[in-house]
Amino acid sequence: MRKNIDIDEKLLTKLKLISAFEEISVKSVMEKAVSFYVEHKEKERLKSLSDDEKEDLGLLLLMQQSDRDDVVTREEIMNALD
């Protein structure tokens, strides 16, 4: 998807310099910067969670990884609980 955005000339110059030093495109520099920022914010948010919220998030992530087509019978559940 192609989007046009307005960038300040000073910022564009800095992006061009970084891209020249890193030997990658300005687009790649911007993508890396955005990815880094999002990752940083996610880590910041995780640090501020309570223990209960961390547990809930962990369970949610485990549930998302589970195979929804895998079915367990009631009997298997009861045997596991014993």
C-alpha atoms as a PDB file:
ATOM      1  CA  MET A   1       0.000   0.000   0.000  1.00  0.00           C
ATOM      2  CA  ARG A   2       1.387   3.370  -0.929  1.00  0.00           C
ATOM      3  CA  LYS A   3       0.716   6.414   1.255  1.00  0.00           C
ATOM      4  CA  ASN A   4       1.988   9.935   0.925  1.00  0.00           C
ATOM      5  CA  ILE A   5       3.026  11.701   4.104  1.00  0.00           C
ATOM      6  CA  ASP A   6       4.441  15.157   4.733  1.00  0.00           C
ATOM      7  CA  ILE A   7       7.866  15.152   6.384  1.00  0.00           C
ATOM      8  CA  ASP A   8       9.729  18.191   7.633  1.00  0.00           C
ATOM      9  CA  GLU A   9      12.854  18.956   5.538  1.00  0.00           C
ATOM     10  CA  LYS A  10      15.141  18.706   8.591  1.00  0.00           C
ATOM     11  CA  LEU A  11      13.781  15.272   9.428  1.00  0.00           C
ATOM     12  CA  LEU A  12      14.054  14.131   5.822  1.00  0.00           C
ATOM     13  CA  THR A  13      17.704  15.222   5.728  1.00  0.00           C
ATOM     14  CA  LYS A  14      18.402  13.246   8.907  1.00  0.00           C
ATOM     15  CA  LEU A  15      16.627  10.209   7.476  1.00  0.00           C
ATOM     16  CA  LYS A  16      18.711  10.438   4.306  1.00  0.00           C
ATOM     17  CA  LEU A  17      21.932  10.637   6.327  1.00  0.00           C
ATOM     18  CA  ILE A  18      20.987   7.632   8.438  1.00  0.00           C
ATOM     19  CA  SER A  19      20.007   5.664   5.348  1.00  0.00           C
ATOM     20  CA  ALA A  20      23.360   6.494   3.736  1.00  0.00           C
ATOM     21  CA  PHE A  21      25.294   5.346   6.820  1.00  0.00           C
ATOM     22  CA  GLU A  22      23.225   2.180   7.189  1.00  0.00           C
ATOM     23  CA  GLU A  23      23.208   1.574   3.413  1.00  0.00           C
ATOM     24  CA  ILE A  24      19.441   1.049   3.372  1.00  0.00           C
ATOM     25  CA  SER A  25      16.540   3.036   1.945  1.00  0.00           C
ATOM     26  CA  VAL A  26      14.818   5.903   3.733  1.00  0.00           C
ATOM     27  CA  LYS A  27      11.676   3.787   3.736  1.00  0.00           C
ATOM     28  CA  SER A  28      13.514   1.013   5.596  1.00  0.00           C
ATOM     29  CA  VAL A  29      14.871   3.497   8.129  1.00  0.00           C
ATOM     30  CA  MET A  30      11.365   4.782   8.795  1.00  0.00           C
ATOM     31  CA  GLU A  31       9.959   1.235   9.078  1.00  0.00           C
ATOM     32  CA  LYS A  32      12.677   0.285  11.568  1.00  0.00           C
ATOM     33  CA  ALA A  33      12.063   3.444  13.581  1.00  0.00           C
ATOM     34  CA  VAL A  34       8.334   2.813  13.784  1.00  0.00           C
ATOM     35  CA  SER A  35       8.865  -0.852  14.681  1.00  0.00           C
ATOM     36  CA  PHE A  36      11.335   0.132  17.403  1.00  0.00           C
ATOM     37  CA  TYR A  37       8.919   2.714  18.802  1.00  0.00           C
ATOM     38  CA  VAL A  38       5.995   0.282  18.880  1.00  0.00           C
ATOM     39  CA  GLU A  39       8.139  -2.410  20.540  1.00  0.00           C
ATOM     40  CA  HIS A  40       9.390   0.115  23.108  1.00  0.00           C
ATOM     41  CA  LYS A  41       5.831   1.196  23.944  1.00  0.00           C
ATOM     42  CA  GLU A  42       4.694  -2.428  24.266  1.00  0.00           C
ATOM     43  CA  LYS A  43       7.527  -3.162  26.713  1.00  0.00           C
ATOM     44  CA  GLU A  44       6.732   0.026  28.619  1.00  0.00           C
ATOM     45  CA  ARG A  45       3.088  -1.027  28.878  1.00  0.00           C
ATOM     46  CA  LEU A  46       4.005  -4.545  30.016  1.00  0.00           C
ATOM     47  CA  LYS A  47       6.150  -3.143  32.824  1.00  0.00           C
ATOM     48  CA  SER A  48       3.216  -1.133  34.136  1.00  0.00           C
ATOM     49  CA  LEU A  49       0.805  -4.109  34.271  1.00  0.00           C
ATOM     50  CA  SER A  50      -0.223  -5.626  37.585  1.00  0.00           C
ATOM     51  CA  ASP A  51       0.470  -9.308  38.246  1.00  0.00           C
ATOM     52  CA  ASP A  52      -3.169 -10.183  37.555  1.00  0.00           C
ATOM     53  CA  GLU A  53      -3.104  -8.309  34.249  1.00  0.00           C
ATOM     54  CA  LYS A  54       0.133 -10.073  33.255  1.00  0.00           C
ATOM     55  CA  GLU A  55      -1.463 -13.427  34.062  1.00  0.00           C
ATOM     56  CA  ASP A  56      -4.552 -12.545  32.010  1.00  0.00           C
ATOM     57  CA  LEU A  57      -2.392 -11.467  29.079  1.00  0.00           C
ATOM     58  CA  GLY A  58      -0.373 -14.689  29.285  1.00  0.00           C
ATOM     59  CA  LEU A  59      -3.534 -16.776  29.253  1.00  0.00           C
ATOM     60  CA  LEU A  60      -4.854 -14.808  26.295  1.00  0.00           C
ATOM     61  CA  LEU A  61      -1.630 -15.412  24.354  1.00  0.00           C
ATOM     62  CA  LEU A  62      -1.751 -19.131  25.168  1.00  0.00           C
ATOM     63  CA  MET A  63      -5.380 -19.311  24.054  1.00  0.00           C
ATOM     64  CA  GLN A  64      -4.496 -17.640  20.752  1.00  0.00           C
ATOM     65  CA  GLN A  65      -1.776 -20.229  20.120  1.00  0.00           C
ATOM     66  CA  SER A  66      -4.037 -23.201  20.776  1.00  0.00           C
ATOM     67  CA  ASP A  67      -5.392 -25.417  18.025  1.00  0.00           C
ATOM     68  CA  ARG A  68      -9.129 -24.758  17.846  1.00  0.00           C
ATOM     69  CA  ASP A  69      -9.745 -27.964  15.926  1.00  0.00           C
ATOM     70  CA  ASP A  70      -8.262 -30.090  18.722  1.00  0.00           C
ATOM     71  CA  VAL A  71     -11.188 -31.474  20.722  1.00  0.00           C
ATOM     72  CA  VAL A  72     -11.076 -33.116  24.156  1.00  0.00           C
ATOM     73  CA  THR A  73     -13.872 -35.274  25.499  1.00  0.00           C
ATOM     74  CA  ARG A  74     -15.546 -34.648  28.839  1.00  0.00           C
ATOM     75  CA  GLU A  75     -14.146 -37.951  30.069  1.00  0.00           C
ATOM     76  CA  GLU A  76     -10.559 -36.890  29.326  1.00  0.00           C
ATOM     77  CA  ILE A  77     -11.077 -33.660  31.269  1.00  0.00           C
ATOM     78  CA  MET A  78     -12.509 -35.511  34.262  1.00  0.00           C
ATOM     79  CA  ASN A  79      -9.628 -37.994  34.216  1.00  0.00           C
ATOM     80  CA  ALA A  80      -7.123 -35.146  34.150  1.00  0.00           C
ATOM     81  CA  LEU A  81      -8.811 -33.522  37.156  1.00  0.00           C
ATOM     82  CA  ASP A  82      -8.584 -36.692  39.259  1.00  0.00           C
END
